[in-house]
PDB file of N, CA and C in Angstrom:
ATOM      1  N   MET A   1      71.131 -16.745 104.679  1.00  0.00           N
ATOM      2  CA  MET A   1      71.105 -16.430 106.260  1.00  0.00           C
ATOM      3  C   MET A   1      72.937 -16.728 106.428  1.00  0.00           C
ATOM      4  N   PRO A   2      72.928 -16.091 107.305  1.00  0.00           N
ATOM      5  CA  PRO A   2      75.032 -16.034 107.658  1.00  0.00           C
ATOM      6  C   PRO A   2      75.758 -17.038 107.632  1.00  0.00           C
ATOM      7  N   TRP A   3      76.678 -17.676 107.653  1.00  0.00           N
ATOM      8  CA  TRP A   3      76.675 -18.619 107.931  1.00  0.00           C
ATOM      9  C   TRP A   3      76.813 -19.574 109.018  1.00  0.00           C
ATOM     10  N   TRP A   4      77.714 -18.334 110.084  1.00  0.00           N
ATOM     11  CA  TRP A   4      77.933 -18.841 111.370  1.00  0.00           C
ATOM     12  C   TRP A   4      76.646 -18.932 112.042  1.00  0.00           C
ATOM     13  N   LEU A   5      75.351 -18.717 111.310  1.00  0.00           N
ATOM     14  CA  LEU A   5      73.772 -18.861 111.992  1.00  0.00           C
ATOM     15  C   LEU A   5      73.140 -20.143 111.430  1.00  0.00           C
ATOM     16  N   ALA A   6      73.574 -20.858 110.140  1.00  0.00           N
ATOM     17  CA  ALA A   6      74.057 -22.179 109.583  1.00  0.00           C
ATOM     18  C   ALA A   6      73.840 -22.785 110.059  1.00  0.00           C
ATOM     19  N   LEU A   7      75.890 -22.345 110.574  1.00  0.00           N
ATOM     20  CA  LEU A   7      76.505 -23.529 111.780  1.00  0.00           C
ATOM     21  C   LEU A   7      75.349 -23.585 113.501  1.00  0.00           C
ATOM     22  N   LEU A   8      75.534 -22.487 113.811  1.00  0.00           N
ATOM     23  CA  LEU A   8      74.378 -22.564 115.003  1.00  0.00           C
ATOM     24  C   LEU A   8      73.716 -23.193 114.463  1.00  0.00           C
ATOM     25  N   ASN A   9      72.928 -22.894 113.986  1.00  0.00           N
ATOM     26  CA  ASN A   9      71.365 -24.958 113.265  1.00  0.00           C
ATOM     27  C   ASN A   9      71.365 -25.474 112.827  1.00  0.00           C
ATOM     28  N   SER A  10      73.007 -25.771 112.521  1.00  0.00           N
ATOM     29  CA  SER A  10      72.790 -27.081 112.540  1.00  0.00           C
ATOM     30  C   SER A  10      73.406 -28.691 113.805  1.00  0.00           C
ATOM     31  N   VAL A  11      74.327 -27.132 114.469  1.00  0.00           N
ATOM     32  CA  VAL A  11      75.130 -27.353 116.170  1.00  0.00           C
ATOM     33  C   VAL A  11      73.926 -27.665 116.730  1.00  0.00           C
ATOM     34  N   MET A  12      73.039 -26.671 116.803  1.00  0.00           N
ATOM     35  CA  MET A  12      71.279 -27.302 117.598  1.00  0.00           C
ATOM     36  C   MET A  12      71.428 -28.118 117.379  1.00  0.00           C
ATOM     37  N   ALA A  13      70.600 -28.314 115.875  1.00  0.00           N
ATOM     38  CA  ALA A  13      70.363 -29.668 114.653  1.00  0.00           C
ATOM     39  C   ALA A  13      70.812 -30.799 115.930  1.00  0.00           C
ATOM     40  N   ALA A  14      72.621 -31.190 115.532  1.00  0.00           N
ATOM     41  CA  ALA A  14      72.596 -31.821 115.952  1.00  0.00           C
ATOM     42  C   ALA A  14      73.464 -33.364 116.918  1.00  0.00           C
ATOM     43  N   ALA A  15      73.023 -31.638 118.307  1.00  0.00           N
ATOM     44  CA  ALA A  15      72.433 -31.804 119.338  1.00  0.00           C
ATOM     45  C   ALA A  15      71.040 -32.773 120.190  1.00  0.00           C
ATOM     46  N   SER A  16      70.530 -31.426 119.558  1.00  0.00           N
ATOM     47  CA  SER A  16      69.128 -32.760 119.484  1.00  0.00           C
ATOM     48  C   SER A  16      69.196 -34.662 118.862  1.00  0.00           C
ATOM     49  N   VAL A  17      69.638 -34.600 117.820  1.00  0.00           N
ATOM     50  CA  VAL A  17      69.489 -36.069 117.486  1.00  0.00           C
ATOM     51  C   VAL A  17      70.838 -36.638 118.385  1.00  0.00           C
ATOM     52  N   ILE A  18      71.852 -36.461 119.002  1.00  0.00           N
ATOM     53  CA  ILE A  18      72.434 -37.261 120.283  1.00  0.00           C
ATOM     54  C   ILE A  18      71.529 -36.957 121.059  1.00  0.00           C
ATOM     55  N   ALA A  19      71.114 -36.271 121.905  1.00  0.00           N
ATOM     56  CA  ALA A  19      70.809 -36.124 122.400  1.00  0.00           C
ATOM     57  C   ALA A  19      68.955 -37.185 122.520  1.00  0.00           C
ATOM     58  N   ALA A  20      68.352 -37.433 121.514  1.00  0.00           N
ATOM     59  CA  ALA A  20      67.812 -38.515 121.201  1.00  0.00           C
ATOM     60  C   ALA A  20      68.493 -39.775 121.576  1.00  0.00           C
ATOM     61  N   ALA A  21      69.331 -39.937 120.392  1.00  0.00           N
ATOM     62  CA  ALA A  21      70.317 -41.018 120.689  1.00  0.00           C
ATOM     63  C   ALA A  21      71.260 -41.245 122.250  1.00  0.00           C
ATOM     64  N   ALA A  22      71.539 -40.565 122.968  1.00  0.00           N
ATOM     65  CA  ALA A  22      71.657 -41.158 124.215  1.00  0.00           C
ATOM     66  C   ALA A  22      70.302 -41.362 125.218  1.00  0.00           C
ATOM     67  N   ALA A  23      69.760 -39.940 124.442  1.00  0.00           N
ATOM     68  CA  ALA A  23      68.043 -40.758 125.167  1.00  0.00           C
ATOM     69  C   ALA A  23      67.305 -42.836 125.592  1.00  0.00           C
ATOM     70  N   LEU A  24      67.735 -42.676 123.408  1.00  0.00           N
ATOM     71  CA  LEU A  24      67.493 -44.727 123.683  1.00  0.00           C
ATOM     72  C   LEU A  24      68.596 -45.317 123.695  1.00  0.00           C
ATOM     73  N   LEU A  25      69.385 -45.326 124.534  1.00  0.00           N
ATOM     74  CA  LEU A  25      70.864 -46.026 124.990  1.00  0.00           C
ATOM     75  C   LEU A  25      70.188 -45.936 126.137  1.00  0.00           C
ATOM     76  N   ARG A  26      69.930 -44.640 127.363  1.00  0.00           N
ATOM     77  CA  ARG A  26      69.917 -44.769 128.379  1.00  0.00           C
ATOM     78  C   ARG A  26      68.102 -43.574 128.827  1.00  0.00           C
ATOM     79  N   PRO A  27      67.400 -44.668 128.698  1.00  0.00           N
ATOM     80  CA  PRO A  27      66.229 -43.576 128.726  1.00  0.00           C
ATOM     81  C   PRO A  27      66.224 -42.575 130.248  1.00  0.00           C
ATOM     82  N   GLY A  28      67.156 -43.171 131.311  1.00  0.00           N
ATOM     83  CA  GLY A  28      66.401 -42.410 132.502  1.00  0.00           C
ATOM     84  C   GLY A  28      67.240 -40.983 132.320  1.00  0.00           C
ATOM     85  N   LEU A  29      67.814 -41.041 131.110  1.00  0.00           N
ATOM     86  CA  LEU A  29      68.660 -39.545 131.030  1.00  0.00           C
ATOM     87  C   LEU A  29      67.042 -38.312 129.946  1.00  0.00           C
ATOM     88  N   LEU A  30      66.347 -39.176 129.663  1.00  0.00           N
ATOM     89  CA  LEU A  30      65.151 -38.839 128.959  1.00  0.00           C
ATOM     90  C   LEU A  30      64.136 -38.519 130.149  1.00  0.00           C
ATOM     91  N   ALA A  31      63.571 -39.473 130.925  1.00  0.00           N
ATOM     92  CA  ALA A  31      62.458 -39.915 131.760  1.00  0.00           C
ATOM     93  C   ALA A  31      62.577 -40.960 132.689  1.00  0.00           C
ATOM     94  N   PRO A  32      63.783 -39.451 133.572  1.00  0.00           N
ATOM     95  CA  PRO A  32      63.845 -40.692 134.631  1.00  0.00           C
ATOM     96  C   PRO A  32      62.602 -41.362 135.735  1.00  0.00           C
ATOM     97  N   SER A  33      62.110 -42.692 135.769  1.00  0.00           N
ATOM     98  CA  SER A  33      61.880 -42.856 136.368  1.00  0.00           C
ATOM     99  C   SER A  33      62.047 -43.864 137.945  1.00  0.00           C
ATOM    100  N   GLY A  34      63.148 -44.862 136.959  1.00  0.00           N
ATOM    101  CA  GLY A  34      64.134 -46.037 137.480  1.00  0.00           C
ATOM    102  C   GLY A  34      63.734 -47.741 137.607  1.00  0.00           C
ATOM    103  N   THR A  35      62.289 -47.022 136.953  1.00  0.00           N
ATOM    104  CA  THR A  35      62.411 -48.743 137.397  1.00  0.00           C
ATOM    105  C   THR A  35      62.746 -49.686 135.824  1.00  0.00           C
ATOM    106  N   GLY A  36      63.518 -49.157 135.121  1.00  0.00           N
ATOM    107  CA  GLY A  36      64.236 -50.358 134.468  1.00  0.00           C
ATOM    108  C   GLY A  36      63.538 -51.321 133.538  1.00  0.00           C
ATOM    109  N   ASP A  37      62.359 -50.753 133.235  1.00  0.00           N
ATOM    110  CA  ASP A  37      62.085 -52.137 132.599  1.00  0.00           C
ATOM    111  C   ASP A  37      61.081 -51.051 131.170  1.00  0.00           C
ATOM    112  N   ASP A  38      60.464 -52.162 129.995  1.00  0.00           N
ATOM    113  CA  ASP A  38      59.944 -51.547 129.120  1.00  0.00           C
ATOM    114  C   ASP A  38      59.217 -49.799 128.414  1.00  0.00           C
ATOM    115  N   ALA A  39      58.623 -50.121 129.572  1.00  0.00           N
ATOM    116  CA  ALA A  39      58.028 -49.175 129.848  1.00  0.00           C
ATOM    117  C   ALA A  39      58.789 -46.973 129.894  1.00  0.00           C
ATOM    118  N   ASP A  40      59.787 -47.830 130.056  1.00  0.00           N
ATOM    119  CA  ASP A  40      60.827 -46.568 130.267  1.00  0.00           C
ATOM    120  C   ASP A  40      61.593 -45.798 128.966  1.00  0.00           C
ATOM    121  N   ARG A  41      61.363 -46.877 128.198  1.00  0.00           N
ATOM    122  CA  ARG A  41      61.788 -46.536 127.331  1.00  0.00           C
ATOM    123  C   ARG A  41      61.031 -45.843 125.616  1.00  0.00           C
ATOM    124  N   PHE A  42      59.382 -45.955 125.487  1.00  0.00           N
ATOM    125  CA  PHE A  42      58.140 -45.313 124.859  1.00  0.00           C
ATOM    126  C   PHE A  42      58.348 -44.198 124.603  1.00  0.00           C
ATOM    127  N   TYR A  43      58.344 -43.292 125.676  1.00  0.00           N
ATOM    128  CA  TYR A  43      59.351 -41.702 125.738  1.00  0.00           C
ATOM    129  C   TYR A  43      60.157 -41.213 124.907  1.00  0.00           C
ATOM    130  N   PRO A  44      61.296 -41.653 125.593  1.00  0.00           N
ATOM    131  CA  PRO A  44      62.633 -41.662 125.156  1.00  0.00           C
ATOM    132  C   PRO A  44      62.321 -42.049 123.201  1.00  0.00           C
ATOM    133  N   ALA A  45      61.554 -43.054 123.014  1.00  0.00           N
ATOM    134  CA  ALA A  45      61.640 -43.146 121.404  1.00  0.00           C
ATOM    135  C   ALA A  45      60.681 -42.525 120.523  1.00  0.00           C
ATOM    136  N   MET A  46      59.365 -42.226 121.779  1.00  0.00           N
ATOM    137  CA  MET A  46      59.015 -41.302 121.162  1.00  0.00           C
ATOM    138  C   MET A  46      59.727 -39.783 120.914  1.00  0.00           C
ATOM    139  N   TYR A  47      60.398 -39.595 121.318  1.00  0.00           N
ATOM    140  CA  TYR A  47      61.131 -38.306 121.340  1.00  0.00           C
ATOM    141  C   TYR A  47      62.386 -38.636 120.303  1.00  0.00           C
ATOM    142  N   ALA A  48      62.740 -39.795 120.555  1.00  0.00           N
ATOM    143  CA  ALA A  48      63.902 -39.831 119.121  1.00  0.00           C
ATOM    144  C   ALA A  48      63.296 -40.009 117.262  1.00  0.00           C
ATOM    145  N   ALA A  49      61.607 -40.791 117.576  1.00  0.00           N
ATOM    146  CA  ALA A  49      61.366 -40.687 116.399  1.00  0.00           C
ATOM    147  C   ALA A  49      61.200 -38.902 115.802  1.00  0.00           C
ATOM    148  N   ARG A  50      60.741 -37.922 116.435  1.00  0.00           N
ATOM    149  CA  ARG A  50      60.497 -37.314 115.679  1.00  0.00           C
ATOM    150  C   ARG A  50      61.902 -36.502 115.691  1.00  0.00           C
ATOM    151  N   ALA A  51      62.722 -36.207 116.902  1.00  0.00           N
ATOM    152  CA  ALA A  51      64.213 -35.414 117.197  1.00  0.00           C
ATOM    153  C   ALA A  51      65.308 -36.000 115.557  1.00  0.00           C
ATOM    154  N   VAL A  52      65.287 -36.966 115.188  1.00  0.00           N
ATOM    155  CA  VAL A  52      66.330 -37.647 114.835  1.00  0.00           C
ATOM    156  C   VAL A  52      66.053 -37.360 113.304  1.00  0.00           C
ATOM    157  N   PRO A  53      64.796 -37.741 112.808  1.00  0.00           N
ATOM    158  CA  PRO A  53      64.670 -37.107 111.646  1.00  0.00           C
ATOM    159  C   PRO A  53      64.795 -35.526 110.925  1.00  0.00           C
ATOM    160  N   LEU A  54      64.010 -34.871 112.647  1.00  0.00           N
ATOM    161  CA  LEU A  54      63.551 -33.143 112.140  1.00  0.00           C
ATOM    162  C   LEU A  54      65.325 -32.580 112.289  1.00  0.00           C
ATOM    163  N   GLY A  55      65.716 -33.481 112.985  1.00  0.00           N
ATOM    164  CA  GLY A  55      67.929 -32.836 113.370  1.00  0.00           C
ATOM    165  C   GLY A  55      68.009 -32.686 111.888  1.00  0.00           C
ATOM    166  N   VAL A  56      68.659 -34.259 111.269  1.00  0.00           N
ATOM    167  CA  VAL A  56      68.659 -34.328 110.237  1.00  0.00           C
ATOM    168  C   VAL A  56      68.367 -33.142 109.099  1.00  0.00           C
ATOM    169  N   VAL A  57      67.119 -32.932 109.291  1.00  0.00           N
ATOM    170  CA  VAL A  57      66.726 -32.309 108.075  1.00  0.00           C
ATOM    171  C   VAL A  57      67.193 -30.816 108.156  1.00  0.00           C
ATOM    172  N   VAL A  58      66.929 -30.403 109.609  1.00  0.00           N
ATOM    173  CA  VAL A  58      67.374 -28.991 109.983  1.00  0.00           C
ATOM    174  C   VAL A  58      68.779 -28.703 109.288  1.00  0.00           C
ATOM    175  N   ALA A  59      69.920 -29.705 109.982  1.00  0.00           N
ATOM    176  CA  ALA A  59      70.938 -29.946 109.559  1.00  0.00           C
ATOM    177  C   ALA A  59      71.370 -29.699 108.836  1.00  0.00           C
ATOM    178  N   MET A  60      71.288 -30.080 107.581  1.00  0.00           N
ATOM    179  CA  MET A  60      71.048 -30.177 106.179  1.00  0.00           C
ATOM    180  C   MET A  60      70.470 -29.074 105.315  1.00  0.00           C
ATOM    181  N   VAL A  61      68.423 -28.563 105.570  1.00  0.00           N
ATOM    182  CA  VAL A  61      68.706 -27.720 104.405  1.00  0.00           C
ATOM    183  C   VAL A  61      69.078 -26.166 105.363  1.00  0.00           C
ATOM    184  N   VAL A  62      69.394 -26.383 105.737  1.00  0.00           N
ATOM    185  CA  VAL A  62      70.538 -24.379 106.211  1.00  0.00           C
ATOM    186  C   VAL A  62      71.829 -24.493 105.283  1.00  0.00           C
ATOM    187  N   TRP A  63      72.065 -25.380 104.901  1.00  0.00           N
ATOM    188  CA  TRP A  63      73.399 -24.779 104.177  1.00  0.00           C
ATOM    189  C   TRP A  63      72.070 -24.929 102.354  1.00  0.00           C
ATOM    190  N   LEU A  64      71.433 -25.637 102.555  1.00  0.00           N
ATOM    191  CA  LEU A  64      71.239 -24.740 100.437  1.00  0.00           C
ATOM    192  C   LEU A  64      70.407 -24.100 100.755  1.00  0.00           C
ATOM    193  N   THR A  65      70.833 -22.972  99.726  1.00  0.00           N
ATOM    194  CA  THR A  65      70.213 -22.272  99.580  1.00  0.00           C
ATOM    195  C   THR A  65      69.229 -21.663  98.595  1.00  0.00           C
ATOM    196  N   PRO A  66      69.608 -22.928  97.833  1.00  0.00           N
ATOM    197  CA  PRO A  66      67.205 -22.514  96.010  1.00  0.00           C
ATOM    198  C   PRO A  66      66.785 -23.314  97.018  1.00  0.00           C
ATOM    199  N   VAL A  67      66.859 -23.651  98.405  1.00  0.00           N
ATOM    200  CA  VAL A  67      65.568 -24.035  98.529  1.00  0.00           C
ATOM    201  C   VAL A  67      64.853 -23.485 100.000  1.00  0.00           C
ATOM    202  N   TYR A  68      64.706 -22.074  99.735  1.00  0.00           N
ATOM    203  CA  TYR A  68      65.045 -21.136 100.977  1.00  0.00           C
ATOM    204  C   TYR A  68      63.229 -20.845 101.116  1.00  0.00           C
ATOM    205  N   PRO A  69      62.298 -21.555 100.241  1.00  0.00           N
ATOM    206  CA  PRO A  69      60.607 -20.999 101.078  1.00  0.00           C
ATOM    207  C   PRO A  69      61.245 -22.550 101.899  1.00  0.00           C
ATOM    208  N   LEU A  70      61.891 -23.214 101.770  1.00  0.00           N
ATOM    209  CA  LEU A  70      61.611 -24.620 102.272  1.00  0.00           C
ATOM    210  C   LEU A  70      62.129 -24.194 103.248  1.00  0.00           C
ATOM    211  N   THR A  71      62.943 -23.859 103.693  1.00  0.00           N
ATOM    212  CA  THR A  71      64.803 -23.673 104.484  1.00  0.00           C
ATOM    213  C   THR A  71      63.231 -23.304 105.800  1.00  0.00           C
ATOM    214  N   GLN A  72      63.133 -21.837 105.216  1.00  0.00           N
ATOM    215  CA  GLN A  72      61.911 -20.847 106.467  1.00  0.00           C
ATOM    216  C   GLN A  72      60.569 -22.173 106.998  1.00  0.00           C
ATOM    217  N   LEU A  73      60.648 -22.815 106.482  1.00  0.00           N
ATOM    218  CA  LEU A  73      59.197 -23.842 106.719  1.00  0.00           C
ATOM    219  C   LEU A  73      59.870 -25.191 107.692  1.00  0.00           C
ATOM    220  N   VAL A  74      61.216 -25.195 108.179  1.00  0.00           N
ATOM    221  CA  VAL A  74      61.725 -26.612 108.621  1.00  0.00           C
ATOM    222  C   VAL A  74      62.169 -25.253 109.186  1.00  0.00           C
ATOM    223  N   LEU A  75      62.895 -24.249 109.878  1.00  0.00           N
ATOM    224  CA  LEU A  75      63.088 -23.691 110.998  1.00  0.00           C
ATOM    225  C   LEU A  75      62.450 -23.634 112.188  1.00  0.00           C
ATOM    226  N   ALA A  76      60.597 -23.688 111.000  1.00  0.00           N
ATOM    227  CA  ALA A  76      59.233 -22.946 112.441  1.00  0.00           C
ATOM    228  C   ALA A  76      58.746 -23.944 112.543  1.00  0.00           C
ATOM    229  N   ILE A  77      58.817 -25.172 111.808  1.00  0.00           N
ATOM    230  CA  ILE A  77      59.103 -26.476 112.548  1.00  0.00           C
ATOM    231  C   ILE A  77      59.745 -26.990 113.468  1.00  0.00           C
ATOM    232  N   ALA A  78      60.859 -27.192 113.292  1.00  0.00           N
ATOM    233  CA  ALA A  78      61.711 -27.347 113.692  1.00  0.00           C
ATOM    234  C   ALA A  78      61.371 -25.681 115.728  1.00  0.00           C
ATOM    235  N   ALA A  79      61.043 -24.756 115.062  1.00  0.00           N
ATOM    236  CA  ALA A  79      61.595 -24.150 116.591  1.00  0.00           C
ATOM    237  C   ALA A  79      60.256 -24.774 117.156  1.00  0.00           C
ATOM    238  N   LEU A  80      59.011 -24.532 116.633  1.00  0.00           N
ATOM    239  CA  LEU A  80      58.399 -25.258 117.404  1.00  0.00           C
ATOM    240  C   LEU A  80      58.109 -26.253 118.345  1.00  0.00           C
ATOM    241  N   ALA A  81      59.092 -27.626 117.389  1.00  0.00           N
ATOM    242  CA  ALA A  81      58.978 -28.254 117.838  1.00  0.00           C
ATOM    243  C   ALA A  81      59.580 -27.802 119.707  1.00  0.00           C
ATOM    244  N   GLN A  82      61.260 -27.215 119.575  1.00  0.00           N
ATOM    245  CA  GLN A  82      62.007 -27.478 120.542  1.00  0.00           C
ATOM    246  C   GLN A  82      61.082 -25.969 122.005  1.00  0.00           C
ATOM    247  N   LEU A  83      60.042 -25.031 120.890  1.00  0.00           N
ATOM    248  CA  LEU A  83      59.353 -24.672 122.279  1.00  0.00           C
ATOM    249  C   LEU A  83      58.808 -25.890 123.389  1.00  0.00           C
ATOM    250  N   GLY A  84      57.837 -26.853 121.882  1.00  0.00           N
ATOM    251  CA  GLY A  84      57.082 -27.987 123.165  1.00  0.00           C
ATOM    252  C   GLY A  84      58.139 -28.345 124.244  1.00  0.00           C
ATOM    253  N   ASP A  85      59.435 -28.869 123.500  1.00  0.00           N
ATOM    254  CA  ASP A  85      60.119 -29.233 124.689  1.00  0.00           C
ATOM    255  C   ASP A  85      60.408 -28.783 125.397  1.00  0.00           C
ATOM    256  N   VAL A  86      60.523 -27.471 125.221  1.00  0.00           N
ATOM    257  CA  VAL A  86      60.697 -26.143 126.947  1.00  0.00           C
ATOM    258  C   VAL A  86      59.512 -26.141 127.410  1.00  0.00           C
ATOM    259  N   ALA A  87      58.220 -26.621 127.197  1.00  0.00           N
ATOM    260  CA  ALA A  87      57.154 -26.376 128.030  1.00  0.00           C
ATOM    261  C   ALA A  87      57.348 -27.639 128.337  1.00  0.00           C
ATOM    262  N   SER A  88      57.879 -28.846 127.970  1.00  0.00           N
ATOM    263  CA  SER A  88      57.914 -30.257 128.344  1.00  0.00           C
ATOM    264  C   SER A  88      58.501 -30.173 130.157  1.00  0.00           C
ATOM    265  N   GLY A  89      59.918 -29.645 129.875  1.00  0.00           N
ATOM    266  CA  GLY A  89      60.990 -29.772 130.473  1.00  0.00           C
ATOM    267  C   GLY A  89      60.442 -28.589 131.816  1.00  0.00           C
ATOM    268  N   ILE A  90      60.158 -27.513 131.069  1.00  0.00           N
ATOM    269  CA  ILE A  90      59.239 -26.852 132.469  1.00  0.00           C
ATOM    270  C   ILE A  90      58.508 -27.642 133.478  1.00  0.00           C
ATOM    271  N   ALA A  91      57.745 -27.981 132.139  1.00  0.00           N
ATOM    272  CA  ALA A  91      56.865 -28.970 133.864  1.00  0.00           C
ATOM    273  C   ALA A  91      57.291 -30.406 134.490  1.00  0.00           C
ATOM    274  N   ARG A  92      58.195 -30.984 134.003  1.00  0.00           N
ATOM    275  CA  ARG A  92      58.902 -31.852 134.020  1.00  0.00           C
ATOM    276  C   ARG A  92      59.811 -31.481 135.492  1.00  0.00           C
ATOM    277  N   ARG A  93      59.797 -30.009 135.180  1.00  0.00           N
ATOM    278  CA  ARG A  93      61.113 -29.672 136.018  1.00  0.00           C
ATOM    279  C   ARG A  93      62.466 -30.114 136.134  1.00  0.00           C
ATOM    280  N   GLN A  94      63.163 -30.335 135.005  1.00  0.00           N
ATOM    281  CA  GLN A  94      63.892 -30.482 134.156  1.00  0.00           C
ATOM    282  C   GLN A  94      64.641 -29.196 134.277  1.00  0.00           C
ATOM    283  N   PRO A  95      65.647 -28.681 134.257  1.00  0.00           N
ATOM    284  CA  PRO A  95      66.139 -27.619 134.424  1.00  0.00           C
ATOM    285  C   PRO A  95      67.019 -27.654 133.234  1.00  0.00           C
ATOM    286  N   GLY A  96      67.145 -28.326 133.186  1.00  0.00           N
ATOM    287  CA  GLY A  96      68.597 -28.134 131.757  1.00  0.00           C
ATOM    288  C   GLY A  96      67.640 -29.338 130.482  1.00  0.00           C
ATOM    289  N   MET A  97      66.788 -29.680 130.475  1.00  0.00           N
ATOM    290  CA  MET A  97      66.225 -29.699 129.585  1.00  0.00           C
ATOM    291  C   MET A  97      65.115 -28.957 128.393  1.00  0.00           C
ATOM    292  N   ALA A  98      64.866 -27.805 130.027  1.00  0.00           N
ATOM    293  CA  ALA A  98      64.525 -27.044 128.960  1.00  0.00           C
ATOM    294  C   ALA A  98      65.596 -25.761 128.712  1.00  0.00           C
ATOM    295  N   GLY A  99      66.809 -25.667 129.879  1.00  0.00           N
ATOM    296  CA  GLY A  99      67.694 -24.245 128.949  1.00  0.00           C
ATOM    297  C   GLY A  99      67.932 -24.853 127.663  1.00  0.00           C
ATOM    298  N   GLY A 100      68.668 -26.365 127.005  1.00  0.00           N
ATOM    299  CA  GLY A 100      68.780 -26.308 126.478  1.00  0.00           C
ATOM    300  C   GLY A 100      68.157 -26.014 125.019  1.00  0.00           C
ATOM    301  N   THR A 101      66.970 -26.649 125.113  1.00  0.00           N
ATOM    302  CA  THR A 101      65.773 -26.734 124.497  1.00  0.00           C
ATOM    303  C   THR A 101      65.249 -25.712 123.684  1.00  0.00           C
ATOM    304  N   VAL A 102      65.341 -24.226 125.103  1.00  0.00           N
ATOM    305  CA  VAL A 102      65.317 -22.283 125.127  1.00  0.00           C
ATOM    306  C   VAL A 102      66.558 -22.092 123.448  1.00  0.00           C
ATOM    307  N   VAL A 103      67.862 -22.619 123.948  1.00  0.00           N
ATOM    308  CA  VAL A 103      68.773 -22.364 123.788  1.00  0.00           C
ATOM    309  C   VAL A 103      68.461 -22.644 120.928  1.00  0.00           C
ATOM    310  N   ALA A 104      68.117 -23.836 121.776  1.00  0.00           N
ATOM    311  CA  ALA A 104      68.162 -24.597 120.012  1.00  0.00           C
ATOM    312  C   ALA A 104      66.245 -23.443 119.379  1.00  0.00           C
ATOM    313  N   ALA A 105      65.358 -23.359 120.709  1.00  0.00           N
ATOM    314  CA  ALA A 105      64.574 -22.333 119.858  1.00  0.00           C
ATOM    315  C   ALA A 105      65.149 -20.831 119.683  1.00  0.00           C
ATOM    316  N   ALA A 106      66.193 -20.574 119.938  1.00  0.00           N
ATOM    317  CA  ALA A 106      66.051 -19.219 119.356  1.00  0.00           C
ATOM    318  C   ALA A 106      66.939 -19.728 118.460  1.00  0.00           C
ATOM    319  N   CYS A 107      68.529 -20.308 118.194  1.00  0.00           N
ATOM    320  CA  CYS A 107      69.143 -20.201 117.569  1.00  0.00           C
ATOM    321  C   CYS A 107      68.297 -20.518 116.204  1.00  0.00           C
ATOM    322  N   HIS A 108      66.978 -21.628 116.049  1.00  0.00           N
ATOM    323  CA  HIS A 108      66.449 -21.796 114.781  1.00  0.00           C
ATOM    324  C   HIS A 108      65.165 -20.666 114.486  1.00  0.00           C
ATOM    325  N   LEU A 109      64.840 -19.523 115.543  1.00  0.00           N
ATOM    326  CA  LEU A 109      64.227 -18.024 115.593  1.00  0.00           C
ATOM    327  C   LEU A 109      64.981 -17.527 114.535  1.00  0.00           C
ATOM    328  N   ALA A 110      66.017 -17.150 115.041  1.00  0.00           N
ATOM    329  CA  ALA A 110      67.352 -15.993 114.021  1.00  0.00           C
ATOM    330  C   ALA A 110      66.719 -16.430 113.616  1.00  0.00           C
ATOM    331  N   GLY A 111      67.477 -18.069 112.948  1.00  0.00           N
ATOM    332  CA  GLY A 111      67.585 -18.456 110.901  1.00  0.00           C
ATOM    333  C   GLY A 111      66.067 -17.527 110.514  1.00  0.00           C
ATOM    334  N   LEU A 112      65.192 -18.122 110.976  1.00  0.00           N
ATOM    335  CA  LEU A 112      63.415 -18.026 110.655  1.00  0.00           C
ATOM    336  C   LEU A 112      63.669 -16.096 110.588  1.00  0.00           C
ATOM    337  N   ALA A 113      63.824 -15.797 111.531  1.00  0.00           N
ATOM    338  CA  ALA A 113      64.568 -13.950 111.022  1.00  0.00           C
ATOM    339  C   ALA A 113      65.179 -13.296 110.357  1.00  0.00           C
ATOM    340  N   ALA A 114      66.830 -14.024 109.964  1.00  0.00           N
ATOM    341  CA  ALA A 114      66.970 -14.015 109.354  1.00  0.00           C
ATOM    342  C   ALA A 114      67.012 -13.797 107.826  1.00  0.00           C
ATOM    343  N   LEU A 115      66.339 -14.736 107.806  1.00  0.00           N
ATOM    344  CA  LEU A 115      65.672 -15.163 105.984  1.00  0.00           C
ATOM    345  C   LEU A 115      64.567 -14.284 105.501  1.00  0.00           C
ATOM    346  N   GLN A 116      64.068 -13.567 106.885  1.00  0.00           N
ATOM    347  CA  GLN A 116      62.994 -12.500 106.582  1.00  0.00           C
ATOM    348  C   GLN A 116      63.163 -11.421 105.075  1.00  0.00           C
TER     349      GLN A 116
END
């Protein structure tokens, strides 16, 4: 994979981790409901439980040439997760969420294509 594509994938993965951490700190960023109770933290916590470990793995594995088959698997899973987030963003009518995750999914898919 070209270095610039590995860098893009790392940046998108890091952005996902940062978004998950921000949502944990301020749940209204991810799932605005306005009630301010513990239930508002449930979906951001569920998102972070997936986004943080997957983002860390993607950010690292794209730089590890010897684990080539693993890189393909990780990028495919990350792209599927991001496409799921796109669907969620569209369903909730949150264009910022859908737009950002489309870019991340495209980077992961481009990385996967470069490894074919």
